[in-house]
Amino acid sequence: MTLLSSHALATSNINKTNLGEDGNTYVLDRHHAFLKGSKSCEAKDPGSFRVIVQGFSLFTGVKMNISGAVVDTLANLPLSKRSLLEENDFGTRVNQIDLELNGKKIEVCLVVSEVLWDLAAANLISIIKDFKPDFVLMSGRGGKTATLETGARNQSGTLAGYNYDGTYSGNLNRPRSKRVDPRYKSSKIIPATWNFESIYTAINPEIKKLGFKLKLGKEGRSDNDYICNNIHYSILQSVLEGDVELAGGLLRPLLALEAFPAMGFFHYPSGTLNKDPKAELEAWSKVVLNIIKAQLNI
């Protein structure tokens, strides 16, 4: 795995950063442990499309996070392990599979991220750097309506993150700043780069059959200020502008991609996995595959 460059701020500045001194150091250490001890995805066939599908692990009150569980369904993990991480995953579990959709070969990197500010983003950026995907599909569990996000805002809420086992991280992973990247104003918005209108048309009938509504989220909507927006903004920032400052500036992932991938975020509706989780996950996995087909125009 390619190591990302990082730099430390002067000690006198650390307490002014966005996760606090202990929180920033924790993210930095876990990210470096991920780089050293975990696997990434590898581009194998230059003739194949490459796609990253990302989701999240547990948070309090949820026995299974649909976003991570769909990723694990595509990876064919046992139902009991879906969206569950272990401590030695260092914030992110990665699996890689090969698919064929409409006669096209696709290498798929499957990523489940811990629900932690900045760590989820930093780890995913390192995977993007290694894998060089055509499309990055991020996802999380949202409100009552399924949502295709049309952009991300450089803003952070005040709620803390959750550890790999779903326990609350408390002050260790709580933003002290309203900004994801401290170099820019919290009002900065970066538009998503995926074909969300074509995707909306492609998957709306499916989602209606599943009993939910689908909408396009307002670009950089202010109520989307949790870790889903954090990872979405960070990826857009790092890919489009070359870098992003995370953990209050202790981490500065650098990207030098020859081509920009399409990038987007899908919020699953909250009222899922209540009756038959296995069947529902299979159905939502098909939605994800149709998102990929619509984005790649295959």
Protein backbone atom coordinates (compact mmCIF):
# COMPACT_ATOMS: atom_id res chain seq x y z
CA MET A 1 0.00 0.00 0.00
CA THR A 2 1.22 3.46 -0.84
CA LEU A 3 2.03 5.58 2.20
CA LEU A 4 0.57 9.06 2.28
CA SER A 5 2.62 12.04 3.30
CA SER A 6 1.73 13.83 6.51
CA HIS A 7 3.08 16.66 8.56
CA ALA A 8 2.81 17.67 12.18
CA LEU A 9 1.72 21.10 13.23
CA ALA A 10 3.62 22.92 15.94
CA THR A 11 2.58 21.79 19.40
CA SER A 12 1.29 25.25 20.23
CA ASN A 13 -1.29 24.94 17.43
CA ILE A 14 -2.58 21.43 18.08
CA ASN A 15 -5.25 22.39 20.61
CA LYS A 16 -6.81 24.70 18.04
CA THR A 17 -7.42 21.92 15.54
CA ASN A 18 -10.64 20.17 14.69
CA LEU A 19 -10.59 16.96 16.79
CA GLY A 20 -8.53 18.14 19.74
CA GLU A 21 -4.98 17.05 20.50
CA ASP A 22 -5.83 13.50 21.55
CA GLY A 23 -8.38 13.02 18.78
CA ASN A 24 -6.07 14.21 16.02
CA THR A 25 -3.25 12.00 17.26
CA TYR A 26 -5.59 9.00 17.49
CA VAL A 27 -6.68 9.42 13.87
CA LEU A 28 -3.08 9.89 12.72
CA ASP A 29 -1.89 6.76 14.55
CA ARG A 30 -4.79 4.59 13.37
CA HIS A 31 -4.32 5.74 9.78
CA HIS A 32 -0.63 4.89 9.83
CA ALA A 33 -1.46 1.49 11.37
CA PHE A 34 -3.95 0.90 8.53
CA LEU A 35 -1.32 1.72 5.93
CA LYS A 36 1.18 -0.66 7.50
CA GLY A 37 -1.08 -3.54 8.48
CA SER A 38 -4.05 -3.73 6.15
CA LYS A 39 -4.51 -4.51 2.49
CA SER A 40 -5.65 -2.19 -0.26
CA CYS A 41 -7.09 -2.99 -3.69
CA GLU A 42 -4.95 -3.64 -6.72
CA ALA A 43 -5.70 -2.79 -10.35
CA LYS A 44 -5.11 -6.00 -12.29
CA ASP A 45 -6.63 -5.85 -15.78
CA PRO A 46 -6.08 -2.57 -17.67
CA GLY A 47 -9.10 -3.42 -19.83
CA SER A 48 -11.53 -3.55 -16.91
CA PHE A 49 -13.50 -0.81 -15.25
CA ARG A 50 -12.51 -0.18 -11.63
CA VAL A 51 -15.10 0.78 -9.02
CA ILE A 52 -14.93 1.41 -5.27
CA VAL A 53 -18.08 0.76 -3.22
CA GLN A 54 -17.85 2.10 0.33
CA GLY A 55 -20.16 1.88 3.34
CA PHE A 56 -19.97 2.21 7.12
CA SER A 57 -19.85 -0.07 10.16
CA LEU A 58 -21.99 0.06 13.28
CA PHE A 59 -23.15 2.95 15.40
CA THR A 60 -25.18 2.89 18.61
CA GLY A 61 -28.75 1.63 18.27
CA VAL A 62 -28.20 -0.13 14.95
CA LYS A 63 -27.58 -3.88 14.86
CA MET A 64 -26.52 -3.74 11.23
CA ASN A 65 -25.59 -0.67 9.18
CA ILE A 66 -27.17 -1.17 5.78
CA SER A 67 -24.44 0.74 3.95
CA GLY A 68 -21.65 -1.51 5.20
CA ALA A 69 -23.87 -4.58 5.10
CA VAL A 70 -24.55 -4.13 1.37
CA VAL A 71 -20.80 -3.85 0.76
CA ASP A 72 -20.29 -7.07 2.71
CA THR A 73 -23.14 -8.73 0.82
CA LEU A 74 -21.29 -8.03 -2.42
CA ALA A 75 -18.20 -9.52 -0.76
CA ASN A 76 -20.28 -12.61 0.14
CA LEU A 77 -19.51 -12.37 3.85
CA PRO A 78 -21.74 -14.32 6.27
CA LEU A 79 -24.84 -12.42 7.36
CA SER A 80 -23.64 -12.34 10.98
CA LYS A 81 -20.47 -10.45 10.02
CA ARG A 82 -21.92 -7.82 7.72
CA SER A 83 -21.04 -4.23 8.69
CA LEU A 84 -19.00 -5.50 11.66
CA LEU A 85 -15.36 -4.46 11.95
CA GLU A 86 -12.57 -5.63 14.23
CA GLU A 87 -10.02 -3.57 16.10
CA ASN A 88 -7.16 -4.78 13.90
CA ASP A 89 -8.91 -3.48 10.78
CA PHE A 90 -7.61 -0.07 11.91
CA GLY A 91 -10.73 1.69 10.78
CA THR A 92 -11.32 0.05 7.39
CA ARG A 93 -11.87 -3.44 5.97
CA VAL A 94 -11.15 -4.03 2.29
CA ASN A 95 -12.19 -6.86 -0.04
CA GLN A 96 -11.83 -7.12 -3.80
CA ILE A 97 -14.04 -8.98 -6.28
CA ASP A 98 -14.43 -9.25 -10.05
CA LEU A 99 -17.82 -8.76 -11.70
CA GLU A 100 -19.23 -8.84 -15.20
CA LEU A 101 -22.12 -6.46 -15.86
CA ASN A 102 -23.72 -6.36 -19.29
CA GLY A 103 -20.66 -8.04 -20.74
CA LYS A 104 -18.20 -5.57 -19.21
CA LYS A 105 -15.50 -6.64 -16.76
CA ILE A 106 -15.40 -4.65 -13.52
CA GLU A 107 -12.88 -4.86 -10.70
CA VAL A 108 -14.68 -3.85 -7.52
CA CYS A 109 -12.96 -2.67 -4.34
CA LEU A 110 -15.30 -3.15 -1.38
CA VAL A 111 -14.65 -0.88 1.61
CA VAL A 112 -16.31 -0.80 5.04
CA SER A 113 -15.28 2.18 7.14
CA GLU A 114 -15.43 2.82 10.86
CA VAL A 115 -17.82 5.66 11.72
CA LEU A 116 -15.01 8.02 12.72
CA TRP A 117 -14.32 11.57 11.67
CA ASP A 118 -11.33 11.91 9.30
CA LEU A 119 -10.06 8.33 9.71
CA ALA A 120 -12.66 6.92 7.31
CA ALA A 121 -11.72 9.58 4.77
CA ALA A 122 -7.94 9.24 5.13
CA ASN A 123 -8.06 5.46 4.72
CA LEU A 124 -10.32 5.70 1.68
CA ILE A 125 -8.05 8.27 0.04
CA SER A 126 -5.13 5.85 0.36
CA ILE A 127 -7.21 3.13 -1.32
CA ILE A 128 -8.15 5.47 -4.16
CA LYS A 129 -4.49 6.30 -4.66
CA ASP A 130 -3.61 2.62 -4.98
CA PHE A 131 -6.60 1.44 -7.01
CA LYS A 132 -7.13 4.43 -9.37
CA PRO A 133 -10.86 3.80 -9.84
CA ASP A 134 -13.19 5.03 -12.57
CA PHE A 135 -16.00 5.48 -10.02
CA VAL A 136 -16.13 5.91 -6.25
CA LEU A 137 -19.54 5.19 -4.72
CA MET A 138 -19.72 6.18 -1.04
CA SER A 139 -22.77 5.40 1.06
CA GLY A 140 -24.33 5.68 4.50
CA ARG A 141 -27.57 5.31 6.40
CA GLY A 142 -29.66 8.48 6.23
CA GLY A 143 -33.22 9.60 6.92
CA LYS A 144 -36.56 8.22 5.79
CA THR A 145 -35.89 8.89 2.09
CA ALA A 146 -33.18 7.40 -0.11
CA THR A 147 -30.96 10.26 -1.31
CA LEU A 148 -28.47 10.80 -4.10
CA GLU A 149 -26.24 13.59 -2.83
CA THR A 150 -25.34 16.23 -5.41
CA GLY A 151 -22.46 17.79 -3.50
CA ALA A 152 -20.68 18.14 -0.16
CA ARG A 153 -20.02 21.08 2.14
CA ASN A 154 -16.89 21.86 4.16
CA GLN A 155 -18.81 21.62 7.42
CA SER A 156 -18.73 19.46 10.52
CA GLY A 157 -21.45 18.88 13.09
CA THR A 158 -20.85 18.37 16.79
CA LEU A 159 -21.77 14.70 17.27
CA ALA A 160 -18.87 12.34 17.94
CA GLY A 161 -18.10 9.20 15.98
CA TYR A 162 -18.42 5.50 16.80
CA ASN A 163 -15.82 2.81 17.27
CA TYR A 164 -15.56 -0.40 15.22
CA ASP A 165 -17.86 -2.26 17.66
CA GLY A 166 -20.55 0.43 17.61
CA THR A 167 -19.61 2.03 20.94
CA TYR A 168 -19.63 5.81 21.21
CA SER A 169 -16.20 7.41 20.86
CA GLY A 170 -17.10 10.47 22.93
CA ASN A 171 -14.62 13.34 23.03
CA LEU A 172 -11.88 11.26 21.40
CA ASN A 173 -13.54 11.71 18.00
CA ARG A 174 -15.63 14.86 18.32
CA PRO A 175 -15.13 17.91 16.03
CA ARG A 176 -13.95 21.11 17.69
CA SER A 177 -14.37 23.02 14.45
CA LYS A 178 -17.25 23.51 12.02
CA ARG A 179 -14.92 22.81 9.08
CA VAL A 180 -13.73 19.55 7.55
CA ASP A 181 -10.64 21.19 6.05
CA PRO A 182 -9.48 24.09 8.26
CA ARG A 183 -7.97 25.96 5.30
CA TYR A 184 -11.35 26.83 3.79
CA LYS A 185 -14.61 28.42 4.93
CA SER A 186 -17.35 26.10 6.19
CA SER A 187 -19.61 27.43 3.43
CA LYS A 188 -17.42 25.96 0.67
CA ILE A 189 -19.35 23.46 -1.47
CA ILE A 190 -17.90 20.97 -3.95
CA PRO A 191 -20.37 19.49 -6.48
CA ALA A 192 -20.48 15.72 -6.80
CA THR A 193 -18.96 14.37 -10.00
CA TRP A 194 -21.25 11.40 -10.66
CA ASN A 195 -24.16 11.28 -13.11
CA PHE A 196 -26.80 11.51 -10.39
CA GLU A 197 -29.63 12.47 -12.76
CA SER A 198 -29.10 9.40 -14.95
CA ILE A 199 -28.72 7.25 -11.85
CA TYR A 200 -31.95 8.66 -10.40
CA THR A 201 -33.84 7.65 -13.55
CA ALA A 202 -32.27 4.19 -13.53
CA ILE A 203 -32.94 3.22 -9.90
CA ASN A 204 -36.08 5.17 -8.96
CA PRO A 205 -38.48 2.37 -10.07
CA GLU A 206 -36.50 -0.19 -8.05
CA ILE A 207 -36.56 1.89 -4.91
CA LYS A 208 -40.30 2.47 -5.26
CA LYS A 209 -40.77 -1.31 -5.40
CA LEU A 210 -38.80 -1.55 -2.15
CA GLY A 211 -41.31 0.82 -0.55
CA PHE A 212 -39.20 3.98 -0.38
CA LYS A 213 -38.94 7.34 -2.08
CA LEU A 214 -35.80 8.61 -3.82
CA LYS A 215 -34.68 12.23 -4.00
CA LEU A 216 -31.75 14.34 -5.11
CA GLY A 217 -30.20 16.04 -2.09
CA LYS A 218 -29.71 19.78 -2.38
CA GLU A 219 -26.08 20.49 -3.27
CA GLY A 220 -24.13 20.79 -0.04
CA ARG A 221 -27.29 20.76 2.10
CA SER A 222 -26.67 22.15 5.58
CA ASP A 223 -28.41 19.30 7.43
CA ASN A 224 -25.93 16.78 6.00
CA ASP A 225 -23.13 17.52 8.47
CA TYR A 226 -22.09 14.17 9.92
CA ILE A 227 -19.38 11.69 8.91
CA CYS A 228 -21.12 10.87 5.61
CA ASN A 229 -20.55 14.45 4.50
CA ASN A 230 -17.06 14.39 6.05
CA ILE A 231 -15.91 11.51 3.86
CA HIS A 232 -17.72 12.83 0.77
CA TYR A 233 -16.20 16.31 1.04
CA SER A 234 -12.74 14.94 1.87
CA ILE A 235 -12.68 12.66 -1.17
CA LEU A 236 -13.94 15.38 -3.52
CA GLN A 237 -11.42 17.86 -2.10
CA SER A 238 -8.47 15.49 -2.28
CA VAL A 239 -9.19 14.20 -5.77
CA LEU A 240 -10.15 17.48 -7.42
CA GLU A 241 -7.59 19.74 -5.72
CA GLY A 242 -4.81 17.28 -4.90
CA ASP A 243 -4.93 17.28 -1.11
CA VAL A 244 -7.07 17.77 1.98
CA GLU A 245 -6.07 18.59 5.57
CA LEU A 246 -7.45 16.12 8.10
CA ALA A 247 -6.97 15.58 11.83
CA GLY A 248 -6.47 19.30 12.19
CA GLY A 249 -3.64 19.33 9.69
CA LEU A 250 -1.68 16.38 11.10
CA LEU A 251 -2.75 14.40 8.03
CA ARG A 252 -2.48 15.78 4.53
CA PRO A 253 -3.24 12.97 2.06
CA LEU A 254 -1.82 13.78 -1.35
CA LEU A 255 -3.26 12.48 -4.61
CA ALA A 256 -1.78 12.71 -8.09
CA LEU A 257 -4.25 10.88 -10.32
CA GLU A 258 -3.97 11.01 -14.09
CA ALA A 259 -7.75 10.99 -14.44
CA PHE A 260 -10.46 12.10 -12.01
CA PRO A 261 -12.90 9.35 -11.06
CA ALA A 262 -16.62 9.98 -10.86
CA MET A 263 -17.53 10.38 -7.19
CA GLY A 264 -20.88 10.34 -5.42
CA PHE A 265 -22.65 9.56 -2.16
CA PHE A 266 -25.84 7.51 -1.71
CA HIS A 267 -27.86 7.66 1.50
CA TYR A 268 -29.91 4.55 2.17
CA PRO A 269 -33.26 5.11 3.90
CA SER A 270 -33.32 4.38 7.62
CA GLY A 271 -36.31 2.03 7.65
CA THR A 272 -34.53 -1.00 6.27
CA LEU A 273 -33.47 -4.48 7.46
CA ASN A 274 -36.50 -4.87 9.72
CA LYS A 275 -38.23 -7.96 8.28
CA ASP A 276 -35.89 -10.15 6.24
CA PRO A 277 -32.36 -8.67 6.32
CA LYS A 278 -30.88 -11.25 3.98
CA ALA A 279 -33.48 -10.68 1.26
CA GLU A 280 -33.40 -6.90 1.72
CA LEU A 281 -29.61 -6.82 1.42
CA GLU A 282 -29.79 -8.80 -1.80
CA ALA A 283 -32.33 -6.32 -3.16
CA TRP A 284 -30.26 -3.28 -2.18
CA SER A 285 -27.15 -4.91 -3.64
CA LYS A 286 -28.94 -5.00 -7.00
CA VAL A 287 -29.67 -1.28 -6.60
CA VAL A 288 -25.94 -0.67 -6.13
CA LEU A 289 -25.10 -2.72 -9.21
CA ASN A 290 -27.61 -0.68 -11.20
CA ILE A 291 -26.02 2.53 -9.92
CA ILE A 292 -22.70 1.26 -11.24
CA LYS A 293 -24.21 0.34 -14.62
CA ALA A 294 -25.89 3.73 -14.94
CA GLN A 295 -22.71 5.61 -14.00
CA LEU A 296 -20.50 3.61 -16.37
CA ASN A 297 -23.19 3.71 -19.07
CA ILE A 298 -23.08 -0.04 -19.68
